[in-house]
Amino acid sequence: MEKTVYIDEKPIRLRSTAAMPKRYKAQFKRDYFADLMKLAKVFNIRGKRKVDLSDIPFEKLDHFDMDVLYDIVWTMAKSADRSIPDPIEWLDGFETFPLKEILPEIRELMQNSMPQSKKK
């Protein structure tokens, strides 16, 4: 699945593929699905249609790592365009990186990366 989002008024292609979890782990040395589960727990997003950073309760902030969101967005961008540079250099190319606006846009891509079995 592929989607174009605007970050700092620049169109950025994001892509979710079967290789994305492997690319994430190769780059960040963390398990993609474990990080997604941590995000789900912090946001308590089961059944929610909209995810917003302001939804995070104060008591859960100790468990929230913004790097995970930056890393997921970078991995999606790298999956769509292999020419993008390493994460820090890529992020340096933006004046702003409004995660609060990007998060609802990438939610569908994150869900698409979760393994699902279809009932026959």
PDB file of N, CA and C in Angstrom:
ATOM      1  N   MET A   1       0.855  -1.166   0.000  1.00  0.00           N
ATOM      2  CA  MET A   1       0.000   0.000   0.000  1.00  0.00           C
ATOM      3  C   MET A   1       0.901   1.228   0.000  1.00  0.00           C
ATOM      4  N   GLU A   2       0.538   2.224  -0.768  1.00  0.00           N
ATOM      5  CA  GLU A   2       1.332   3.447  -0.870  1.00  0.00           C
ATOM      6  C   GLU A   2       0.440   4.671  -0.716  1.00  0.00           C
ATOM      7  N   LYS A   3       1.032   5.710  -0.138  1.00  0.00           N
ATOM      8  CA  LYS A   3       0.293   6.940   0.116  1.00  0.00           C
ATOM      9  C   LYS A   3       1.284   8.099   0.045  1.00  0.00           C
ATOM     10  N   THR A   4       0.828   9.251  -0.413  1.00  0.00           N
ATOM     11  CA  THR A   4       1.652  10.454  -0.397  1.00  0.00           C
ATOM     12  C   THR A   4       1.129  11.382   0.678  1.00  0.00           C
ATOM     13  N   VAL A   5       2.031  11.822   1.544  1.00  0.00           N
ATOM     14  CA  VAL A   5       1.687  12.776   2.589  1.00  0.00           C
ATOM     15  C   VAL A   5       2.545  14.018   2.383  1.00  0.00           C
ATOM     16  N   TYR A   6       2.149  15.098   3.008  1.00  0.00           N
ATOM     17  CA  TYR A   6       2.927  16.332   2.919  1.00  0.00           C
ATOM     18  C   TYR A   6       3.575  16.599   4.268  1.00  0.00           C
ATOM     19  N   ILE A   7       4.889  16.696   4.234  1.00  0.00           N
ATOM     20  CA  ILE A   7       5.670  17.021   5.422  1.00  0.00           C
ATOM     21  C   ILE A   7       6.438  18.288   5.086  1.00  0.00           C
ATOM     22  N   ASP A   8       6.215  19.330   5.862  1.00  0.00           N
ATOM     23  CA  ASP A   8       6.878  20.605   5.618  1.00  0.00           C
ATOM     24  C   ASP A   8       6.619  21.072   4.177  1.00  0.00           C
ATOM     25  N   GLU A   9       5.385  20.858   3.730  1.00  0.00           N
ATOM     26  CA  GLU A   9       4.913  21.240   2.395  1.00  0.00           C
ATOM     27  C   GLU A   9       5.602  20.486   1.256  1.00  0.00           C
ATOM     28  N   LYS A  10       6.277  19.385   1.573  1.00  0.00           N
ATOM     29  CA  LYS A  10       6.934  18.557   0.552  1.00  0.00           C
ATOM     30  C   LYS A  10       6.150  17.254   0.418  1.00  0.00           C
ATOM     31  N   PRO A  11       5.851  16.829  -0.807  1.00  0.00           N
ATOM     32  CA  PRO A  11       5.185  15.532  -0.962  1.00  0.00           C
ATOM     33  C   PRO A  11       6.169  14.399  -0.670  1.00  0.00           C
ATOM     34  N   ILE A  12       5.768  13.525   0.226  1.00  0.00           N
ATOM     35  CA  ILE A  12       6.607  12.386   0.611  1.00  0.00           C
ATOM     36  C   ILE A  12       5.802  11.114   0.387  1.00  0.00           C
ATOM     37  N   ARG A  13       6.357  10.243  -0.444  1.00  0.00           N
ATOM     38  CA  ARG A  13       5.704   8.958  -0.669  1.00  0.00           C
ATOM     39  C   ARG A  13       6.037   8.015   0.474  1.00  0.00           C
ATOM     40  N   LEU A  14       5.023   7.358   0.997  1.00  0.00           N
ATOM     41  CA  LEU A  14       5.190   6.367   2.047  1.00  0.00           C
ATOM     42  C   LEU A  14       4.616   5.052   1.547  1.00  0.00           C
ATOM     43  N   ARG A  15       5.294   3.967   1.881  1.00  0.00           N
ATOM     44  CA  ARG A  15       4.857   2.669   1.384  1.00  0.00           C
ATOM     45  C   ARG A  15       4.987   1.624   2.482  1.00  0.00           C
ATOM     46  N   SER A  16       3.989   0.803   2.583  1.00  0.00           N
ATOM     47  CA  SER A  16       3.990  -0.306   3.518  1.00  0.00           C
ATOM     48  C   SER A  16       4.042  -1.601   2.713  1.00  0.00           C
ATOM     49  N   THR A  17       5.093  -2.377   2.911  1.00  0.00           N
ATOM     50  CA  THR A  17       5.249  -3.642   2.191  1.00  0.00           C
ATOM     51  C   THR A  17       5.566  -4.751   3.189  1.00  0.00           C
ATOM     52  N   ALA A  18       5.608  -5.963   2.698  1.00  0.00           N
ATOM     53  CA  ALA A  18       5.957  -7.101   3.548  1.00  0.00           C
ATOM     54  C   ALA A  18       7.392  -6.990   4.066  1.00  0.00           C
ATOM     55  N   ALA A  19       8.256  -6.281   3.346  1.00  0.00           N
ATOM     56  CA  ALA A  19       9.660  -6.132   3.749  1.00  0.00           C
ATOM     57  C   ALA A  19       9.869  -5.036   4.789  1.00  0.00           C
ATOM     58  N   MET A  20       8.857  -4.229   5.024  1.00  0.00           N
ATOM     59  CA  MET A  20       9.020  -3.093   5.925  1.00  0.00           C
ATOM     60  C   MET A  20       9.500  -3.483   7.331  1.00  0.00           C
ATOM     61  N   PRO A  21       8.936  -4.506   7.971  1.00  0.00           N
ATOM     62  CA  PRO A  21       9.429  -4.888   9.299  1.00  0.00           C
ATOM     63  C   PRO A  21      10.909  -5.290   9.302  1.00  0.00           C
ATOM     64  N   LYS A  22      11.356  -5.956   8.239  1.00  0.00           N
ATOM     65  CA  LYS A  22      12.767  -6.345   8.132  1.00  0.00           C
ATOM     66  C   LYS A  22      13.652  -5.111   7.935  1.00  0.00           C
ATOM     67  N   ARG A  23      13.201  -4.178   7.111  1.00  0.00           N
ATOM     68  CA  ARG A  23      13.956  -2.940   6.875  1.00  0.00           C
ATOM     69  C   ARG A  23      14.061  -2.138   8.174  1.00  0.00           C
ATOM     70  N   TYR A  24      12.966  -2.075   8.919  1.00  0.00           N
ATOM     71  CA  TYR A  24      12.931  -1.370  10.198  1.00  0.00           C
ATOM     72  C   TYR A  24      13.943  -1.982  11.170  1.00  0.00           C
ATOM     73  N   LYS A  25      13.929  -3.312  11.285  1.00  0.00           N
ATOM     74  CA  LYS A  25      14.838  -3.982  12.212  1.00  0.00           C
ATOM     75  C   LYS A  25      16.289  -3.842  11.768  1.00  0.00           C
ATOM     76  N   ALA A  26      16.547  -3.920  10.469  1.00  0.00           N
ATOM     77  CA  ALA A  26      17.917  -3.772   9.963  1.00  0.00           C
ATOM     78  C   ALA A  26      18.465  -2.377  10.263  1.00  0.00           C
ATOM     79  N   GLN A  27      17.617  -1.374  10.174  1.00  0.00           N
ATOM     80  CA  GLN A  27      18.057   0.003  10.394  1.00  0.00           C
ATOM     81  C   GLN A  27      18.128   0.364  11.881  1.00  0.00           C
ATOM     82  N   PHE A  28      17.124  -0.005  12.654  1.00  0.00           N
ATOM     83  CA  PHE A  28      16.996   0.490  14.026  1.00  0.00           C
ATOM     84  C   PHE A  28      17.283  -0.553  15.108  1.00  0.00           C
ATOM     85  N   LYS A  29      17.506  -1.803  14.710  1.00  0.00           N
ATOM     86  CA  LYS A  29      17.834  -2.880  15.654  1.00  0.00           C
ATOM     87  C   LYS A  29      16.743  -3.095  16.705  1.00  0.00           C
ATOM     88  N   ARG A  30      15.507  -2.815  16.304  1.00  0.00           N
ATOM     89  CA  ARG A  30      14.352  -3.070  17.172  1.00  0.00           C
ATOM     90  C   ARG A  30      13.301  -3.787  16.339  1.00  0.00           C
ATOM     91  N   ASP A  31      12.441  -4.530  17.028  1.00  0.00           N
ATOM     92  CA  ASP A  31      11.381  -5.253  16.336  1.00  0.00           C
ATOM     93  C   ASP A  31      10.229  -4.298  16.016  1.00  0.00           C
ATOM     94  N   TYR A  32       9.856  -4.246  14.752  1.00  0.00           N
ATOM     95  CA  TYR A  32       8.791  -3.346  14.289  1.00  0.00           C
ATOM     96  C   TYR A  32       7.462  -3.644  14.974  1.00  0.00           C
ATOM     97  N   PHE A  33       7.101  -4.923  15.050  1.00  0.00           N
ATOM     98  CA  PHE A  33       5.799  -5.280  15.615  1.00  0.00           C
ATOM     99  C   PHE A  33       5.757  -5.014  17.125  1.00  0.00           C
ATOM    100  N   ALA A  34       6.864  -5.232  17.817  1.00  0.00           N
ATOM    101  CA  ALA A  34       6.914  -4.917  19.246  1.00  0.00           C
ATOM    102  C   ALA A  34       6.728  -3.415  19.453  1.00  0.00           C
ATOM    103  N   ASP A  35       7.360  -2.616  18.598  1.00  0.00           N
ATOM    104  CA  ASP A  35       7.202  -1.161  18.703  1.00  0.00           C
ATOM    105  C   ASP A  35       5.771  -0.732  18.393  1.00  0.00           C
ATOM    106  N   LEU A  36       5.145  -1.376  17.415  1.00  0.00           N
ATOM    107  CA  LEU A  36       3.742  -1.064  17.117  1.00  0.00           C
ATOM    108  C   LEU A  36       2.835  -1.410  18.297  1.00  0.00           C
ATOM    109  N   MET A  37       3.120  -2.533  18.940  1.00  0.00           N
ATOM    110  CA  MET A  37       2.307  -2.931  20.096  1.00  0.00           C
ATOM    111  C   MET A  37       2.469  -1.939  21.245  1.00  0.00           C
ATOM    112  N   LYS A  38       3.680  -1.423  21.434  1.00  0.00           N
ATOM    113  CA  LYS A  38       3.911  -0.409  22.464  1.00  0.00           C
ATOM    114  C   LYS A  38       3.112   0.853  22.149  1.00  0.00           C
ATOM    115  N   LEU A  39       3.125   1.253  20.875  1.00  0.00           N
ATOM    116  CA  LEU A  39       2.337   2.428  20.470  1.00  0.00           C
ATOM    117  C   LEU A  39       0.855   2.189  20.714  1.00  0.00           C
ATOM    118  N   ALA A  40       0.383   1.007  20.355  1.00  0.00           N
ATOM    119  CA  ALA A  40      -1.038   0.696  20.539  1.00  0.00           C
ATOM    120  C   ALA A  40      -1.410   0.763  22.017  1.00  0.00           C
ATOM    121  N   LYS A  41      -0.510   0.290  22.870  1.00  0.00           N
ATOM    122  CA  LYS A  41      -0.795   0.319  24.306  1.00  0.00           C
ATOM    123  C   LYS A  41      -0.820   1.751  24.835  1.00  0.00           C
ATOM    124  N   VAL A  42       0.122   2.566  24.389  1.00  0.00           N
ATOM    125  CA  VAL A  42       0.172   3.965  24.840  1.00  0.00           C
ATOM    126  C   VAL A  42      -1.067   4.715  24.373  1.00  0.00           C
ATOM    127  N   PHE A  43      -1.424   4.522  23.101  1.00  0.00           N
ATOM    128  CA  PHE A  43      -2.573   5.226  22.541  1.00  0.00           C
ATOM    129  C   PHE A  43      -3.893   4.547  22.877  1.00  0.00           C
ATOM    130  N   ASN A  44      -3.837   3.275  23.300  1.00  0.00           N
ATOM    131  CA  ASN A  44      -5.047   2.508  23.559  1.00  0.00           C
ATOM    132  C   ASN A  44      -5.983   2.618  22.352  1.00  0.00           C
ATOM    133  N   ILE A  45      -5.461   2.253  21.165  1.00  0.00           N
ATOM    134  CA  ILE A  45      -6.154   2.552  19.904  1.00  0.00           C
ATOM    135  C   ILE A  45      -7.114   1.476  19.414  1.00  0.00           C
ATOM    136  N   ARG A  46      -7.354   0.451  20.177  1.00  0.00           N
ATOM    137  CA  ARG A  46      -8.293  -0.580  19.712  1.00  0.00           C
ATOM    138  C   ARG A  46      -9.641   0.020  19.364  1.00  0.00           C
ATOM    139  N   GLY A  47     -10.030  -0.161  18.130  1.00  0.00           N
ATOM    140  CA  GLY A  47     -11.346   0.287  17.706  1.00  0.00           C
ATOM    141  C   GLY A  47     -11.461   1.780  17.439  1.00  0.00           C
ATOM    142  N   LYS A  48     -10.393   2.533  17.675  1.00  0.00           N
ATOM    143  CA  LYS A  48     -10.452   3.976  17.431  1.00  0.00           C
ATOM    144  C   LYS A  48     -10.269   4.261  15.957  1.00  0.00           C
ATOM    145  N   ARG A  49     -11.001   5.209  15.459  1.00  0.00           N
ATOM    146  CA  ARG A  49     -10.863   5.638  14.071  1.00  0.00           C
ATOM    147  C   ARG A  49      -9.770   6.687  13.922  1.00  0.00           C
ATOM    148  N   LYS A  50      -9.588   7.515  14.947  1.00  0.00           N
ATOM    149  CA  LYS A  50      -8.640   8.616  14.875  1.00  0.00           C
ATOM    150  C   LYS A  50      -7.615   8.470  15.992  1.00  0.00           C
ATOM    151  N   VAL A  51      -6.350   8.651  15.644  1.00  0.00           N
ATOM    152  CA  VAL A  51      -5.278   8.609  16.621  1.00  0.00           C
ATOM    153  C   VAL A  51      -4.658   9.992  16.667  1.00  0.00           C
ATOM    154  N   ASP A  52      -4.493  10.520  17.873  1.00  0.00           N
ATOM    155  CA  ASP A  52      -3.983  11.866  18.041  1.00  0.00           C
ATOM    156  C   ASP A  52      -2.993  11.865  19.200  1.00  0.00           C
ATOM    157  N   LEU A  53      -1.892  12.599  19.057  1.00  0.00           N
ATOM    158  CA  LEU A  53      -0.909  12.672  20.130  1.00  0.00           C
ATOM    159  C   LEU A  53      -1.516  13.219  21.419  1.00  0.00           C
ATOM    160  N   SER A  54      -2.522  14.055  21.288  1.00  0.00           N
ATOM    161  CA  SER A  54      -3.150  14.611  22.487  1.00  0.00           C
ATOM    162  C   SER A  54      -3.988  13.562  23.230  1.00  0.00           C
ATOM    163  N   ASP A  55      -4.175  12.382  22.628  1.00  0.00           N
ATOM    164  CA  ASP A  55      -4.903  11.295  23.290  1.00  0.00           C
ATOM    165  C   ASP A  55      -4.069  10.581  24.350  1.00  0.00           C
ATOM    166  N   ILE A  56      -2.770  10.845  24.396  1.00  0.00           N
ATOM    167  CA  ILE A  56      -1.903  10.123  25.323  1.00  0.00           C
ATOM    168  C   ILE A  56      -2.123  10.646  26.739  1.00  0.00           C
ATOM    169  N   PRO A  57      -2.574   9.780  27.633  1.00  0.00           N
ATOM    170  CA  PRO A  57      -2.735  10.206  29.019  1.00  0.00           C
ATOM    171  C   PRO A  57      -1.376  10.515  29.648  1.00  0.00           C
ATOM    172  N   PHE A  58      -1.336  11.475  30.539  1.00  0.00           N
ATOM    173  CA  PHE A  58      -0.102  11.915  31.168  1.00  0.00           C
ATOM    174  C   PHE A  58       0.667  10.759  31.792  1.00  0.00           C
ATOM    175  N   GLU A  59      -0.034   9.849  32.440  1.00  0.00           N
ATOM    176  CA  GLU A  59       0.633   8.743  33.126  1.00  0.00           C
ATOM    177  C   GLU A  59       1.296   7.754  32.169  1.00  0.00           C
ATOM    178  N   LYS A  60       0.974   7.819  30.889  1.00  0.00           N
ATOM    179  CA  LYS A  60       1.583   6.910  29.913  1.00  0.00           C
ATOM    180  C   LYS A  60       2.765   7.548  29.177  1.00  0.00           C
ATOM    181  N   LEU A  61       3.046   8.804  29.428  1.00  0.00           N
ATOM    182  CA  LEU A  61       4.143   9.478  28.726  1.00  0.00           C
ATOM    183  C   LEU A  61       5.498   8.823  28.988  1.00  0.00           C
ATOM    184  N   ASP A  62       5.676   8.213  30.150  1.00  0.00           N
ATOM    185  CA  ASP A  62       6.933   7.525  30.435  1.00  0.00           C
ATOM    186  C   ASP A  62       7.174   6.355  29.485  1.00  0.00           C
ATOM    187  N   HIS A  63       6.117   5.814  28.923  1.00  0.00           N
ATOM    188  CA  HIS A  63       6.215   4.653  28.031  1.00  0.00           C
ATOM    189  C   HIS A  63       6.206   5.050  26.557  1.00  0.00           C
ATOM    190  N   PHE A  64       6.128   6.334  26.283  1.00  0.00           N
ATOM    191  CA  PHE A  64       6.008   6.798  24.899  1.00  0.00           C
ATOM    192  C   PHE A  64       7.356   7.269  24.386  1.00  0.00           C
ATOM    193  N   ASP A  65       7.766   6.763  23.238  1.00  0.00           N
ATOM    194  CA  ASP A  65       9.033   7.121  22.631  1.00  0.00           C
ATOM    195  C   ASP A  65       8.753   7.698  21.242  1.00  0.00           C
ATOM    196  N   MET A  66       8.940   9.010  21.106  1.00  0.00           N
ATOM    197  CA  MET A  66       8.670   9.679  19.819  1.00  0.00           C
ATOM    198  C   MET A  66       9.558   9.129  18.707  1.00  0.00           C
ATOM    199  N   ASP A  67      10.749   8.637  19.061  1.00  0.00           N
ATOM    200  CA  ASP A  67      11.640   8.094  18.038  1.00  0.00           C
ATOM    201  C   ASP A  67      10.967   6.984  17.242  1.00  0.00           C
ATOM    202  N   VAL A  68      10.125   6.213  17.900  1.00  0.00           N
ATOM    203  CA  VAL A  68       9.444   5.116  17.205  1.00  0.00           C
ATOM    204  C   VAL A  68       8.625   5.673  16.036  1.00  0.00           C
ATOM    205  N   LEU A  69       7.910   6.758  16.264  1.00  0.00           N
ATOM    206  CA  LEU A  69       7.107   7.343  15.183  1.00  0.00           C
ATOM    207  C   LEU A  69       7.982   7.881  14.056  1.00  0.00           C
ATOM    208  N   TYR A  70       9.052   8.594  14.415  1.00  0.00           N
ATOM    209  CA  TYR A  70       9.981   9.078  13.380  1.00  0.00           C
ATOM    210  C   TYR A  70      10.558   7.908  12.593  1.00  0.00           C
ATOM    211  N   ASP A  71      10.930   6.844  13.303  1.00  0.00           N
ATOM    212  CA  ASP A  71      11.544   5.688  12.658  1.00  0.00           C
ATOM    213  C   ASP A  71      10.565   4.957  11.733  1.00  0.00           C
ATOM    214  N   ILE A  72       9.310   4.856  12.151  1.00  0.00           N
ATOM    215  CA  ILE A  72       8.308   4.210  11.301  1.00  0.00           C
ATOM    216  C   ILE A  72       8.079   5.032  10.034  1.00  0.00           C
ATOM    217  N   VAL A  73       7.964   6.342  10.171  1.00  0.00           N
ATOM    218  CA  VAL A  73       7.758   7.200   8.994  1.00  0.00           C
ATOM    219  C   VAL A  73       8.962   7.105   8.062  1.00  0.00           C
ATOM    220  N   TRP A  74      10.174   7.128   8.618  1.00  0.00           N
ATOM    221  CA  TRP A  74      11.370   7.008   7.771  1.00  0.00           C
ATOM    222  C   TRP A  74      11.365   5.673   7.024  1.00  0.00           C
ATOM    223  N   THR A  75      11.015   4.591   7.731  1.00  0.00           N
ATOM    224  CA  THR A  75      11.009   3.268   7.104  1.00  0.00           C
ATOM    225  C   THR A  75       9.987   3.206   5.979  1.00  0.00           C
ATOM    226  N   MET A  76       8.831   3.824   6.174  1.00  0.00           N
ATOM    227  CA  MET A  76       7.822   3.869   5.112  1.00  0.00           C
ATOM    228  C   MET A  76       8.318   4.687   3.925  1.00  0.00           C
ATOM    229  N   ALA A  77       9.000   5.781   4.207  1.00  0.00           N
ATOM    230  CA  ALA A  77       9.543   6.614   3.129  1.00  0.00           C
ATOM    231  C   ALA A  77      10.648   5.857   2.387  1.00  0.00           C
ATOM    232  N   LYS A  78      11.510   5.179   3.122  1.00  0.00           N
ATOM    233  CA  LYS A  78      12.601   4.401   2.512  1.00  0.00           C
ATOM    234  C   LYS A  78      12.040   3.256   1.680  1.00  0.00           C
ATOM    235  N   SER A  79      10.928   2.676   2.129  1.00  0.00           N
ATOM    236  CA  SER A  79      10.287   1.601   1.365  1.00  0.00           C
ATOM    237  C   SER A  79       9.743   2.119   0.039  1.00  0.00           C
ATOM    238  N   ALA A  80       9.341   3.381   0.018  1.00  0.00           N
ATOM    239  CA  ALA A  80       8.803   3.979  -1.212  1.00  0.00           C
ATOM    240  C   ALA A  80       9.903   4.537  -2.106  1.00  0.00           C
ATOM    241  N   ASP A  81      11.013   4.973  -1.504  1.00  0.00           N
ATOM    242  CA  ASP A  81      12.083   5.617  -2.261  1.00  0.00           C
ATOM    243  C   ASP A  81      13.421   5.233  -1.651  1.00  0.00           C
ATOM    244  N   ARG A  82      14.084   4.286  -2.270  1.00  0.00           N
ATOM    245  CA  ARG A  82      15.336   3.765  -1.711  1.00  0.00           C
ATOM    246  C   ARG A  82      16.477   4.787  -1.727  1.00  0.00           C
ATOM    247  N   SER A  83      16.288   5.911  -2.407  1.00  0.00           N
ATOM    248  CA  SER A  83      17.362   6.906  -2.493  1.00  0.00           C
ATOM    249  C   SER A  83      17.397   7.866  -1.301  1.00  0.00           C
ATOM    250  N   ILE A  84      16.415   7.786  -0.413  1.00  0.00           N
ATOM    251  CA  ILE A  84      16.443   8.727   0.706  1.00  0.00           C
ATOM    252  C   ILE A  84      17.616   8.385   1.625  1.00  0.00           C
ATOM    253  N   PRO A  85      18.203   9.409   2.249  1.00  0.00           N
ATOM    254  CA  PRO A  85      19.382   9.180   3.098  1.00  0.00           C
ATOM    255  C   PRO A  85      19.020   8.581   4.455  1.00  0.00           C
ATOM    256  N   ASP A  86      20.050   8.428   5.300  1.00  0.00           N
ATOM    257  CA  ASP A  86      19.829   7.875   6.633  1.00  0.00           C
ATOM    258  C   ASP A  86      18.834   8.748   7.397  1.00  0.00           C
ATOM    259  N   PRO A  87      18.235   8.210   8.459  1.00  0.00           N
ATOM    260  CA  PRO A  87      17.148   8.920   9.141  1.00  0.00           C
ATOM    261  C   PRO A  87      17.479  10.338   9.613  1.00  0.00           C
ATOM    262  N   ILE A  88      18.623  10.547  10.226  1.00  0.00           N
ATOM    263  CA  ILE A  88      18.939  11.884  10.738  1.00  0.00           C
ATOM    264  C   ILE A  88      19.136  12.870   9.603  1.00  0.00           C
ATOM    265  N   GLU A  89      19.850  12.459   8.577  1.00  0.00           N
ATOM    266  CA  GLU A  89      20.040  13.343   7.419  1.00  0.00           C
ATOM    267  C   GLU A  89      18.707  13.655   6.750  1.00  0.00           C
ATOM    268  N   TRP A  90      17.840  12.651   6.648  1.00  0.00           N
ATOM    269  CA  TRP A  90      16.524  12.848   6.038  1.00  0.00           C
ATOM    270  C   TRP A  90      15.698  13.833   6.855  1.00  0.00           C
ATOM    271  N   LEU A  91      15.665  13.648   8.173  1.00  0.00           N
ATOM    272  CA  LEU A  91      14.910  14.553   9.040  1.00  0.00           C
ATOM    273  C   LEU A  91      15.477  15.965   9.008  1.00  0.00           C
ATOM    274  N   ASP A  92      16.790  16.105   8.834  1.00  0.00           N
ATOM    275  CA  ASP A  92      17.412  17.427   8.718  1.00  0.00           C
ATOM    276  C   ASP A  92      16.926  18.187   7.485  1.00  0.00           C
ATOM    277  N   GLY A  93      16.351  17.490   6.538  1.00  0.00           N
ATOM    278  CA  GLY A  93      15.840  18.127   5.326  1.00  0.00           C
ATOM    279  C   GLY A  93      14.496  18.827   5.519  1.00  0.00           C
ATOM    280  N   PHE A  94      13.944  18.748   6.721  1.00  0.00           N
ATOM    281  CA  PHE A  94      12.649  19.370   7.009  1.00  0.00           C
ATOM    282  C   PHE A  94      12.819  20.457   8.065  1.00  0.00           C
ATOM    283  N   GLU A  95      12.128  21.563   7.864  1.00  0.00           N
ATOM    284  CA  GLU A  95      12.091  22.606   8.894  1.00  0.00           C
ATOM    285  C   GLU A  95      11.214  22.146  10.054  1.00  0.00           C
ATOM    286  N   THR A  96      10.078  21.547   9.701  1.00  0.00           N
ATOM    287  CA  THR A  96       9.157  21.021  10.693  1.00  0.00           C
ATOM    288  C   THR A  96       8.779  19.598  10.307  1.00  0.00           C
ATOM    289  N   PHE A  97       8.395  18.828  11.297  1.00  0.00           N
ATOM    290  CA  PHE A  97       7.953  17.451  11.064  1.00  0.00           C
ATOM    291  C   PHE A  97       6.756  17.221  11.974  1.00  0.00           C
ATOM    292  N   PRO A  98       5.583  17.683  11.530  1.00  0.00           N
ATOM    293  CA  PRO A  98       4.391  17.693  12.396  1.00  0.00           C
ATOM    294  C   PRO A  98       3.777  16.307  12.592  1.00  0.00           C
ATOM    295  N   LEU A  99       4.336  15.561  13.546  1.00  0.00           N
ATOM    296  CA  LEU A  99       3.842  14.206  13.793  1.00  0.00           C
ATOM    297  C   LEU A  99       2.350  14.180  14.083  1.00  0.00           C
ATOM    298  N   LYS A 100       1.860  15.215  14.749  1.00  0.00           N
ATOM    299  CA  LYS A 100       0.430  15.253  15.079  1.00  0.00           C
ATOM    300  C   LYS A 100      -0.431  15.225  13.815  1.00  0.00           C
ATOM    301  N   GLU A 101       0.053  15.850  12.740  1.00  0.00           N
ATOM    302  CA  GLU A 101      -0.686  15.850  11.472  1.00  0.00           C
ATOM    303  C   GLU A 101      -0.413  14.599  10.655  1.00  0.00           C
ATOM    304  N   ILE A 102       0.783  14.055  10.773  1.00  0.00           N
ATOM    305  CA  ILE A 102       1.180  12.893   9.969  1.00  0.00           C
ATOM    306  C   ILE A 102       0.583  11.603  10.510  1.00  0.00           C
ATOM    307  N   LEU A 103       0.467  11.509  11.823  1.00  0.00           N
ATOM    308  CA  LEU A 103       0.008  10.273  12.457  1.00  0.00           C
ATOM    309  C   LEU A 103      -1.307   9.738  11.904  1.00  0.00           C
ATOM    310  N   PRO A 104      -2.345  10.563  11.754  1.00  0.00           N
ATOM    311  CA  PRO A 104      -3.577  10.011  11.178  1.00  0.00           C
ATOM    312  C   PRO A 104      -3.380   9.502   9.748  1.00  0.00           C
ATOM    313  N   GLU A 105      -2.448  10.118   9.025  1.00  0.00           N
ATOM    314  CA  GLU A 105      -2.199   9.711   7.644  1.00  0.00           C
ATOM    315  C   GLU A 105      -1.495   8.359   7.552  1.00  0.00           C
ATOM    316  N   ILE A 106      -0.635   8.065   8.529  1.00  0.00           N
ATOM    317  CA  ILE A 106       0.131   6.817   8.450  1.00  0.00           C
ATOM    318  C   ILE A 106      -0.549   5.656   9.171  1.00  0.00           C
ATOM    319  N   ARG A 107      -1.607   5.941   9.880  1.00  0.00           N
ATOM    320  CA  ARG A 107      -2.301   4.890  10.634  1.00  0.00           C
ATOM    321  C   ARG A 107      -2.709   3.719   9.739  1.00  0.00           C
ATOM    322  N   GLU A 108      -3.298   4.015   8.613  1.00  0.00           N
ATOM    323  CA  GLU A 108      -3.737   2.958   7.694  1.00  0.00           C
ATOM    324  C   GLU A 108      -2.547   2.136   7.190  1.00  0.00           C
ATOM    325  N   LEU A 109      -1.430   2.812   6.926  1.00  0.00           N
ATOM    326  CA  LEU A 109      -0.237   2.103   6.471  1.00  0.00           C
ATOM    327  C   LEU A 109       0.315   1.195   7.570  1.00  0.00           C
ATOM    328  N   MET A 110       0.275   1.673   8.811  1.00  0.00           N
ATOM    329  CA  MET A 110       0.736   0.837   9.924  1.00  0.00           C
ATOM    330  C   MET A 110      -0.166  -0.384  10.075  1.00  0.00           C
ATOM    331  N   GLN A 111      -1.470  -0.185   9.976  1.00  0.00           N
ATOM    332  CA  GLN A 111      -2.398  -1.311  10.088  1.00  0.00           C
ATOM    333  C   GLN A 111      -2.191  -2.297   8.947  1.00  0.00           C
ATOM    334  N   ASN A 112      -1.893  -1.782   7.773  1.00  0.00           N
ATOM    335  CA  ASN A 112      -1.669  -2.633   6.602  1.00  0.00           C
ATOM    336  C   ASN A 112      -0.443  -3.532   6.791  1.00  0.00           C
ATOM    337  N   SER A 113       0.509  -3.086   7.599  1.00  0.00           N
ATOM    338  CA  SER A 113       1.725  -3.873   7.795  1.00  0.00           C
ATOM    339  C   SER A 113       1.540  -5.003   8.815  1.00  0.00           C
ATOM    340  N   MET A 114       0.429  -4.987   9.528  1.00  0.00           N
ATOM    341  CA  MET A 114       0.185  -6.030  10.524  1.00  0.00           C
ATOM    342  C   MET A 114      -0.275  -7.307   9.830  1.00  0.00           C
ATOM    343  N   PRO A 115       0.338  -8.445  10.173  1.00  0.00           N
ATOM    344  CA  PRO A 115      -0.083  -9.695   9.540  1.00  0.00           C
ATOM    345  C   PRO A 115      -1.521 -10.036   9.929  1.00  0.00           C
ATOM    346  N   GLN A 116      -2.266 -10.430   8.950  1.00  0.00           N
ATOM    347  CA  GLN A 116      -3.654 -10.815   9.177  1.00  0.00           C
ATOM    348  C   GLN A 116      -3.938 -12.088   8.386  1.00  0.00           C
ATOM    349  N   SER A 117      -4.781 -12.898   8.936  1.00  0.00           N
ATOM    350  CA  SER A 117      -5.192 -14.072   8.190  1.00  0.00           C
ATOM    351  C   SER A 117      -6.628 -13.855   7.746  1.00  0.00           C
ATOM    352  N   LYS A 118      -6.896 -14.284   6.537  1.00  0.00           N
ATOM    353  CA  LYS A 118      -8.245 -14.148   6.005  1.00  0.00           C
ATOM    354  C   LYS A 118      -9.009 -15.435   6.252  1.00  0.00           C
ATOM    355  N   LYS A 119     -10.240 -15.276   6.675  1.00  0.00           N
ATOM    356  CA  LYS A 119     -11.083 -16.441   6.861  1.00  0.00           C
ATOM    357  C   LYS A 119     -11.615 -16.891   5.529  1.00  0.00           C
ATOM    358  N   LYS A 120     -11.617 -18.192   5.337  1.00  0.00           N
ATOM    359  CA  LYS A 120     -12.099 -18.738   4.071  1.00  0.00           C
ATOM    360  C   LYS A 120     -13.533 -19.165   4.209  1.00  0.00           C
TER     361      LYS A 120
END
